[in-house]
Each structure stands twice: as structure tokens, then as C-alpha cells.
Protein backbone atom coordinates (compact mmCIF):
# COMPACT_ATOMS: atom_id res chain seq x y z
CA UNK A 1 -107.45 19.11 -67.41
CA UNK A 2 -107.53 16.37 -64.42
CA UNK A 3 -103.34 14.94 -63.73
CA UNK A 4 -103.38 11.85 -64.85
CA UNK A 5 -103.48 10.05 -61.18
CA UNK A 6 -100.69 7.47 -59.97
CA UNK A 7 -103.59 4.97 -59.34
CA UNK A 8 -100.73 2.12 -58.40
CA UNK A 9 -98.93 4.70 -56.09
CA UNK A 10 -102.54 5.06 -54.89
CA UNK A 11 -102.93 1.61 -54.49
CA UNK A 12 -100.11 0.22 -52.81
CA UNK A 13 -100.55 3.16 -50.16
CA UNK A 14 -104.16 1.19 -50.02
CA UNK A 15 -102.58 -2.20 -49.28
CA UNK A 16 -100.16 -0.96 -46.56
CA UNK A 17 -103.17 0.31 -44.85
CA UNK A 18 -104.92 -2.22 -45.05
CA UNK A 19 -101.84 -4.48 -43.96
CA UNK A 20 -101.63 -1.95 -40.50
CA UNK A 21 -104.97 -3.34 -40.51
CA UNK A 22 -105.13 -6.77 -41.14
CA UNK A 23 -101.73 -6.84 -38.69
CA UNK A 24 -104.09 -5.72 -35.73
CA UNK A 25 -106.67 -7.91 -36.81
CA UNK A 26 -106.60 -11.70 -35.75
CA UNK A 27 -105.18 -12.43 -32.05
CA UNK A 28 -102.38 -11.11 -30.63
CA UNK A 29 -99.44 -13.47 -30.18
CA UNK A 30 -99.57 -14.40 -26.21
CA UNK A 31 -102.76 -13.03 -25.21
CA UNK A 32 -104.24 -14.36 -22.48
CA UNK A 33 -108.02 -16.20 -22.37
CA UNK A 34 -110.40 -14.89 -20.05
CA UNK A 35 -112.58 -17.82 -17.73
CA UNK A 36 -114.44 -16.69 -15.48
CA UNK A 37 -117.49 -18.35 -13.49
CA UNK A 38 -121.04 -18.83 -15.52
CA UNK A 39 -123.13 -15.80 -14.05
CA UNK A 40 -126.10 -18.44 -14.40
CA UNK A 41 -129.15 -15.98 -12.54
CA UNK A 42 -126.89 -12.75 -11.89
CA UNK A 43 -127.94 -9.74 -12.64
CA UNK A 44 -125.37 -8.35 -14.28
CA UNK A 45 -124.68 -4.79 -14.78
CA UNK A 46 -122.06 -3.02 -17.08
CA UNK A 47 -120.74 0.40 -17.12
CA UNK A 48 -119.84 2.07 -20.25
CA UNK A 49 -117.15 5.09 -20.48
CA UNK A 50 -117.74 7.46 -23.04
CA UNK A 51 -114.74 10.36 -23.73
CA UNK A 52 -117.88 12.24 -24.50
CA UNK A 53 -121.65 11.48 -24.32
CA UNK A 54 -122.61 13.80 -26.03
CA UNK A 55 -121.89 13.89 -29.69
CA UNK A 56 -124.56 12.50 -31.66
CA UNK A 57 -122.17 9.03 -32.89
CA UNK A 58 -121.78 8.06 -28.39
CA UNK A 59 -125.73 8.54 -28.11
CA UNK A 60 -125.98 6.51 -31.02
CA UNK A 61 -124.21 4.89 -29.62
CA UNK A 62 -125.10 4.52 -25.88
CA UNK A 63 -129.03 4.03 -27.03
CA UNK A 64 -128.46 0.58 -29.13
CA UNK A 65 -126.45 -0.26 -25.38
CA UNK A 66 -128.95 0.25 -23.89
CA UNK A 67 -131.80 -1.65 -25.50
CA UNK A 68 -129.22 -4.58 -25.82
CA UNK A 69 -129.10 -4.84 -22.22
CA UNK A 70 -132.65 -4.29 -21.62
CA UNK A 71 -133.26 -6.88 -23.38
CA UNK A 72 -131.09 -9.54 -21.77
CA UNK A 73 -132.95 -7.91 -18.66
CA UNK A 74 -128.83 -6.90 -17.55
CA UNK A 75 -128.24 -3.58 -16.16
CA UNK A 76 -126.55 -0.30 -17.34
CA UNK A 77 -124.47 2.66 -16.88
CA UNK A 78 -122.91 5.44 -18.52
CA UNK A 79 -120.21 7.38 -17.22
CA UNK A 80 -119.36 9.88 -19.36
CA UNK A 81 -115.97 11.74 -19.00
CA UNK A 82 -116.78 15.28 -20.91
CA UNK A 83 -113.39 15.12 -22.57
CA UNK A 84 -111.54 15.31 -19.33
CA UNK A 85 -108.91 12.64 -20.51
CA UNK A 86 -107.20 13.11 -16.75
CA UNK A 87 -109.83 11.66 -14.87
CA UNK A 88 -110.26 8.26 -16.84
CA UNK A 89 -108.37 6.56 -14.30
CA UNK A 90 -110.88 7.25 -11.26
CA UNK A 91 -113.74 6.32 -13.70
CA UNK A 92 -111.80 3.03 -14.71
CA UNK A 93 -111.25 1.73 -10.88
CA UNK A 94 -114.36 3.37 -9.52
CA UNK A 95 -116.27 0.97 -12.21
CA UNK A 96 -114.51 -1.82 -11.57
CA UNK A 97 -114.84 -1.37 -7.70
CA UNK A 98 -118.53 -1.19 -7.48
CA UNK A 99 -118.41 -5.03 -9.35
CA UNK A 100 -119.27 -3.96 -13.23
CA UNK A 101 -119.88 -7.39 -14.29
CA UNK A 102 -118.29 -6.05 -17.98
CA UNK A 103 -117.23 -2.44 -19.16
CA UNK A 104 -118.01 -0.74 -22.89
CA UNK A 105 -115.44 2.13 -23.52
CA UNK A 106 -115.45 4.70 -26.55
CA UNK A 107 -113.05 6.50 -27.96
CA UNK A 108 -110.88 7.24 -24.73
CA UNK A 109 -107.51 7.34 -24.43
CA UNK A 110 -106.71 3.65 -22.87
CA UNK A 111 -102.40 4.59 -22.48
CA UNK A 112 -103.83 6.83 -20.25
CA UNK A 113 -106.34 3.35 -18.21
CA UNK A 114 -103.52 0.46 -18.69
CA UNK A 115 -103.02 0.02 -15.18
CA UNK A 116 -106.93 -0.37 -15.09
CA UNK A 117 -107.62 -2.29 -17.86
CA UNK A 118 -105.30 -5.29 -16.21
CA UNK A 119 -106.84 -5.11 -13.24
CA UNK A 120 -110.40 -5.61 -14.79
CA UNK A 121 -109.46 -8.66 -16.72
CA UNK A 122 -107.49 -9.84 -13.88
CA UNK A 123 -110.21 -9.02 -12.04
CA UNK A 124 -112.70 -11.62 -14.73
CA UNK A 125 -114.40 -8.24 -16.55
CA UNK A 126 -114.48 -8.19 -19.66
CA UNK A 127 -113.40 -4.59 -21.33
CA UNK A 128 -114.68 -4.35 -24.76
CA UNK A 129 -113.61 -0.68 -26.45
CA UNK A 130 -115.24 0.23 -29.59
CA UNK A 131 -112.63 2.62 -32.18
CA UNK A 132 -110.26 2.31 -29.88
CA UNK A 133 -107.48 -0.08 -30.99
CA UNK A 134 -108.00 -1.50 -28.09
CA UNK A 135 -106.69 -5.13 -29.40
CA UNK A 136 -102.82 -3.13 -28.33
CA UNK A 137 -103.76 -3.13 -24.83
CA UNK A 138 -103.08 -5.87 -22.16
CA UNK A 139 -106.91 -6.14 -20.37
CA UNK A 140 -108.53 -5.79 -23.36
CA UNK A 141 -110.61 -8.87 -23.84
CA UNK A 142 -112.14 -7.13 -27.29
CA UNK A 143 -111.74 -3.77 -30.04
CA UNK A 144 -114.94 -4.70 -32.29
CA UNK A 145 -115.04 -0.99 -34.10
CA UNK A 146 -114.26 0.20 -37.91
CA UNK A 147 -110.66 -0.34 -40.07
CA UNK A 148 -109.64 3.52 -38.83
CA UNK A 149 -107.03 3.26 -41.58
CA UNK A 150 -108.47 2.68 -44.35
CA UNK A 151 -111.56 5.01 -43.54
CA UNK A 152 -109.46 7.81 -43.51
CA UNK A 153 -108.10 6.44 -46.22
CA UNK A 154 -111.31 6.60 -48.53
CA UNK A 155 -112.48 9.89 -47.68
CA UNK A 156 -108.95 11.31 -48.22
CA UNK A 157 -108.39 9.25 -51.40
CA UNK A 158 -112.22 10.65 -52.51
CA UNK A 159 -110.97 14.63 -52.01
CA UNK A 160 -107.83 13.68 -54.07
CA UNK A 161 -110.22 12.26 -56.97
CA UNK A 162 -111.38 16.33 -56.08
CA UNK A 163 -108.52 18.10 -56.81
CA UNK A 164 -105.38 18.48 -58.46
CA UNK A 165 -102.21 17.02 -58.31
CA UNK A 166 -100.16 19.88 -56.68
CA UNK A 167 -103.41 21.10 -54.67
CA UNK A 168 -102.98 22.39 -51.22
CA UNK A 169 -105.46 20.82 -48.56
CA UNK A 170 -106.71 22.57 -44.62
CA UNK A 171 -106.10 19.52 -41.64
CA UNK A 172 -107.87 19.43 -39.06
CA UNK A 173 -107.60 15.55 -36.54
CA UNK A 174 -107.28 15.16 -32.56
CA UNK A 175 -103.90 12.97 -32.21
CA UNK A 176 -104.74 12.56 -28.47
CA UNK A 177 -106.72 9.21 -29.18
CA UNK A 178 -105.29 6.34 -30.12
CA UNK A 179 -107.51 6.52 -33.87
CA UNK A 180 -106.69 10.24 -34.83
CA UNK A 181 -103.08 9.40 -35.21
CA UNK A 182 -104.01 5.85 -37.10
CA UNK A 183 -106.57 8.20 -39.00
CA UNK A 184 -104.61 10.70 -39.88
CA UNK A 185 -102.15 8.30 -41.20
CA UNK A 186 -103.30 6.26 -43.82
CA UNK A 187 -105.25 10.04 -44.72
CA UNK A 188 -101.56 11.51 -45.63
CA UNK A 189 -100.96 8.28 -47.00
CA UNK A 190 -103.06 8.91 -49.75
CA UNK A 191 -102.62 12.19 -50.13
CA UNK A 192 -98.41 11.57 -50.39
CA UNK A 193 -99.73 9.38 -53.83
CA UNK A 194 -101.45 11.44 -55.35
CA UNK A 195 -98.97 14.63 -54.55
CA UNK A 196 -101.89 16.64 -52.56
CA UNK A 197 -99.79 19.18 -50.40
CA UNK A 198 -101.21 19.34 -46.69
CA UNK A 199 -100.52 23.39 -46.51
CA UNK A 200 -101.53 23.11 -42.40
CA UNK A 201 -102.14 20.75 -39.71
CA UNK A 202 -104.43 22.34 -37.04
CA UNK A 203 -104.70 19.77 -34.18
CA UNK A 204 -107.31 19.18 -31.51
CA UNK A 205 -106.38 19.22 -27.73
CA UNK A 206 -109.25 17.72 -25.99
CA UNK A 207 -109.86 21.65 -24.74
CA UNK A 208 -113.29 23.64 -25.19
CA UNK A 209 -115.96 23.31 -28.19
CA UNK A 210 -114.40 21.18 -30.40
CA UNK A 211 -117.40 22.57 -32.54
CA UNK A 212 -115.79 26.07 -32.51
CA UNK A 213 -112.72 25.41 -32.32
CA UNK A 214 -112.83 23.76 -36.02
CA UNK A 215 -114.84 26.77 -37.25
CA UNK A 216 -112.92 29.89 -35.52
CA UNK A 217 -109.33 27.44 -36.93
CA UNK A 218 -110.95 26.75 -40.17
CA UNK A 219 -112.86 31.01 -40.61
CA UNK A 220 -109.05 31.72 -39.33
CA UNK A 221 -107.00 30.11 -41.82
CA UNK A 222 -108.91 30.59 -44.82
CA UNK A 223 -109.06 34.05 -44.06
CA UNK A 224 -105.26 34.14 -44.31
CA UNK A 225 -106.09 31.96 -47.64
CA UNK A 226 -105.16 35.39 -49.81
CA UNK A 227 -104.23 33.46 -52.91
CA UNK A 228 -106.79 30.91 -52.51
CA UNK A 229 -104.49 28.52 -52.54
CA UNK A 230 -106.47 26.01 -50.58
CA UNK A 231 -108.33 23.74 -52.27
CA UNK A 232 -110.14 21.16 -49.84
CA UNK A 233 -110.21 19.79 -46.22
CA UNK A 234 -110.14 16.83 -44.59
CA UNK A 235 -111.11 16.30 -40.84
CA UNK A 236 -110.32 13.77 -39.04
CA UNK A 237 -113.91 13.47 -37.27
CA UNK A 238 -117.01 14.90 -38.50
CA UNK A 239 -118.08 17.68 -35.67
CA UNK A 240 -114.78 18.96 -37.04
CA UNK A 241 -115.53 18.71 -40.83
CA UNK A 242 -119.73 20.17 -39.79
CA UNK A 243 -117.95 23.17 -38.46
CA UNK A 244 -115.18 23.35 -41.64
CA UNK A 245 -117.79 22.92 -44.19
CA UNK A 246 -119.76 26.17 -42.91
CA UNK A 247 -117.18 28.19 -41.96
CA UNK A 248 -115.92 27.77 -45.88
CA UNK A 249 -119.57 28.58 -46.86
CA UNK A 250 -119.87 31.57 -44.37
CA UNK A 251 -116.66 33.24 -45.93
CA UNK A 252 -117.90 32.65 -49.79
CA UNK A 253 -115.86 29.50 -50.46
CA UNK A 254 -117.98 27.69 -51.90
CA UNK A 255 -114.71 26.11 -53.99
CA UNK A 256 -114.00 24.11 -50.92
CA UNK A 257 -113.96 20.46 -50.31
CA UNK A 258 -114.26 19.33 -47.28
CA UNK A 259 -114.13 15.24 -46.47
CA UNK A 260 -114.29 13.93 -42.97
CA UNK A 261 -115.24 10.71 -41.11
CA UNK A 262 -117.81 9.51 -38.93
CA UNK A 263 -122.23 9.48 -40.02
CA UNK A 264 -123.78 10.41 -37.55
CA UNK A 265 -127.78 11.38 -38.88
CA UNK A 266 -126.90 15.15 -38.44
CA UNK A 267 -124.23 14.49 -40.84
CA UNK A 268 -125.79 13.32 -43.57
CA UNK A 269 -128.03 16.58 -43.31
CA UNK A 270 -125.26 19.00 -43.64
CA UNK A 271 -123.93 17.20 -46.50
CA UNK A 272 -127.40 17.88 -48.20
CA UNK A 273 -127.45 21.30 -47.01
CA UNK A 274 -123.75 22.74 -46.91
CA UNK A 275 -122.89 23.10 -50.58
CA UNK A 276 -118.40 22.88 -48.94
CA UNK A 277 -119.04 19.69 -47.13
CA UNK A 278 -118.92 17.26 -49.98
CA UNK A 279 -118.24 13.22 -48.57
CA UNK A 280 -117.89 11.29 -45.42
CA UNK A 281 -116.43 7.45 -44.67
CA UNK A 282 -118.86 6.37 -41.23
CA UNK A 283 -119.52 3.53 -39.02
CA UNK A 284 -122.90 5.31 -37.92
CA UNK A 285 -124.63 2.72 -40.55
CA UNK A 286 -123.34 -0.78 -38.69
CA UNK A 287 -124.57 0.76 -34.91
CA UNK A 288 -126.72 -2.76 -34.81
CA UNK A 289 -124.07 -5.24 -36.36
CA UNK A 290 -121.17 -3.54 -34.14
CA UNK A 291 -123.52 -3.70 -30.84
CA UNK A 292 -124.54 -7.37 -31.37
CA UNK A 293 -120.94 -8.08 -31.85
CA UNK A 294 -120.26 -6.31 -28.68
CA UNK A 295 -122.64 -8.03 -26.23
CA UNK A 296 -122.45 -11.29 -28.06
CA UNK A 297 -119.23 -11.56 -27.22
CA UNK A 298 -120.34 -10.48 -23.31
CA UNK A 299 -122.36 -13.43 -23.37
CA UNK A 300 -120.74 -16.06 -23.94
CA UNK A 301 -117.98 -14.61 -21.18
CA UNK A 302 -120.56 -14.53 -18.61
CA UNK A 303 -121.86 -18.06 -19.80
CA UNK A 304 -118.64 -18.93 -18.62
CA UNK A 305 -116.83 -19.97 -21.87
CA UNK A 306 -112.47 -19.07 -22.84
CA UNK A 307 -112.62 -16.52 -24.50
CA UNK A 308 -109.24 -15.07 -25.75
CA UNK A 309 -108.78 -11.54 -25.78
CA UNK A 310 -107.41 -8.69 -27.04
CA UNK A 311 -109.06 -9.70 -30.88
CA UNK A 312 -110.22 -7.48 -33.32
CA UNK A 313 -113.70 -7.44 -34.90
CA UNK A 314 -113.10 -4.87 -37.86
CA UNK A 315 -116.20 -3.62 -40.11
CA UNK A 316 -115.78 -2.18 -43.33
CA UNK A 317 -116.48 1.83 -43.80
CA UNK A 318 -118.91 3.01 -46.31
CA UNK A 319 -118.92 5.59 -47.95
CA UNK A 320 -121.12 8.87 -48.27
CA UNK A 321 -121.40 11.62 -50.99
CA UNK A 322 -123.76 14.42 -52.57
CA UNK A 323 -124.84 11.96 -55.19
CA UNK A 324 -125.38 8.95 -52.38
CA UNK A 325 -127.38 10.26 -49.91
CA UNK A 326 -129.87 7.84 -49.12
CA UNK A 327 -133.11 9.36 -48.57
CA UNK A 328 -133.56 11.78 -45.13
CA UNK A 329 -134.24 8.46 -42.53
CA UNK A 330 -132.05 6.82 -43.36
CA UNK A 331 -128.16 5.05 -43.46
CA UNK A 332 -126.09 4.33 -46.41
CA UNK A 333 -126.67 0.90 -47.44
CA UNK A 334 -124.43 -0.22 -50.49
CA UNK A 335 -127.64 -2.55 -51.56
CA UNK A 336 -129.27 0.47 -52.35
CA UNK A 337 -132.59 -0.85 -50.22
CA UNK A 338 -134.23 1.48 -48.02
CA UNK A 339 -137.49 -0.21 -47.33
CA UNK A 340 -139.15 -0.05 -44.42
CA UNK A 341 -138.87 1.64 -41.04
CA UNK A 342 -136.13 4.20 -40.68
CA UNK A 343 -132.61 4.20 -39.07
CA UNK A 344 -132.95 7.39 -37.46
CA UNK A 345 -135.15 10.24 -36.64
CA UNK A 346 -134.19 13.36 -38.41
CA UNK A 347 -134.98 16.99 -37.32
């Protein structure tokens, strides 16, 4: 029999998570204003700095960036760190020296490039971050992305509702990047409210193949779980989630409930296929809207209009489960309408 949940306590934790996001949603006190000379007919070039351009969600956003730049007659150049975080400052300095008109950053460790962010701002180069909590950093013009704490809390609460009070879960996360820290905080808050125990937390250090790391770590952990005390797995990123769900299934542990964050097309497919993979929360389903927001801000700057820096433009992530999966080829739509052209191609 399911235990009665302390919903008021859970609600309090969610409100706390939302309050945290609200604190960084508006303009920062004392934030600088960027106002540059209008670009006019100048050929504009946008640089993109990606932590790992090979992951599916990065490829999705880069595709959107290229289409938006081409539509406006702008050039675009994508730089891939390939998880080599220490190279971030060098890449940023190269883009600044090359005279790029604007820079978009995906999932990078911003504290490692804080000096370069300020240099870019002082040179009139707008830097817009996506899923980095960039609004906290002087030099960042805007952060366009999901409400990270709320996204993590939503997937965590879905998992908690599947379990019973006192059940144990495995955590897989990557606290090296800012978004990972906030996601973990949001998820742990929910588990604390529901009295779900985090039996073990494993942290990826951005070295090696993250998919293989997650698979091996999950497999080794479950092999040691001889009494089958673990009931669920929460991961901060879909790549970890897919591999963890596959490892549990390969070991015959279809009793394990795996949930994650982010929602690339392949993740939808894996939720369909893997009995252990139950849900995710993500914002890739709004990639077009996020990208339009990014380019609308850039256009405003290039017209010479004043734009206040350190602003957060938040998007609410959507929960995708085995029960509400959209038709193949579509991202989740809360309105339930799936007419017309599919959002993506599913192999």
C-alpha cells in the first residue's frame, strides 16, 4: 500500500525551488546596460561555444542557430570544447580576438571564463548563455533556458510518487557545471520532502565517455545491490539516464524506475523501448522558441538599442512519461495537438 505523502511539505520544497529561480529571473541589481553603435549593413558573425557539440541536444540547438543565422544573412561558427573545460578561456579569447559580433554559449563552466565574459561585454560583444545560469555572471547579457531547479524537481517528484516512503535511489550527476549543481539541489529537496533516501551519489568528472561511465557505474552499483534495496535512479542528464536504464534492464532489474532531465529525440525513443526508463523533463521541445528569443535579443543589440545585462529569460520544462509520449517524430505538446509536419526525424 502506498504511503500517504506529505504533500504540504513537498509543495513547500517546490515553492522554495521556484523562489530560487525567481530570484535570478529578473534583472540583477546594478547590472550594466549594453548599448553599441548600430551594425548597419556590416556582415555579422556569431560564435557558438559548446561544451560538447556531439550530444544530441547540442546538435539540435546548433541546427536552430544555423537556420536563424542563415535567415538573417549572418555567418556562424561553432567551437566544440569536447568536454575539455580548461580550454574554455582560450576558445573565448580566440572568438573575441576574431571580432565576432556576438557569442552564444551552451552548458559551459562559466566560472572558468568569467574574465573573458567581462572582456567581451566591455568590447560590445553580446554573450548569451543557454542552460548555464548565466544571469549570475557579470558580462553575460542574457540567459535563455529552462528553470533548472523546477525541471529537476519535477522529474524527482514523478519518481518519488512511483516509490514508497523510505525507498532508496541512486543519483548520477555532473556538479562541475552550474546547471548540474542547481538540478541536484532541486531533486534532493523533493526526495527529502518525500523521505526518499539517496543511497549513493556518483559524479561524472567530464573525463571519458559519459554514456559508458553511466552504464558501468550503474551496472557495478546494481551488482552490489544483492538485497535489491535500490528502487529508483535519478540522473541530471538524459545521457546518464539512457545508459542507466539500459544497464538496469541488461541486469534483469526491470523493477528499477529511472527518470532523468532533458528531452532529445533519442530519449523519447528510449523511453518507448526500455522498460526501466519511465520519464524525463525537458525543454528541447521548445528549442525553436528558445532560439528565437536568443536571436531577438541579438537583433536588438545590433540595432543599437540599449539592453540591460544579466537578464534571465526562463522557459518551463515539460514532463514526458510512458503515459503521455507523443507520436513518433514529435516533441511533447501539452495541448495534445500533433498535426502537420513532425518536429524531428526518428531513426
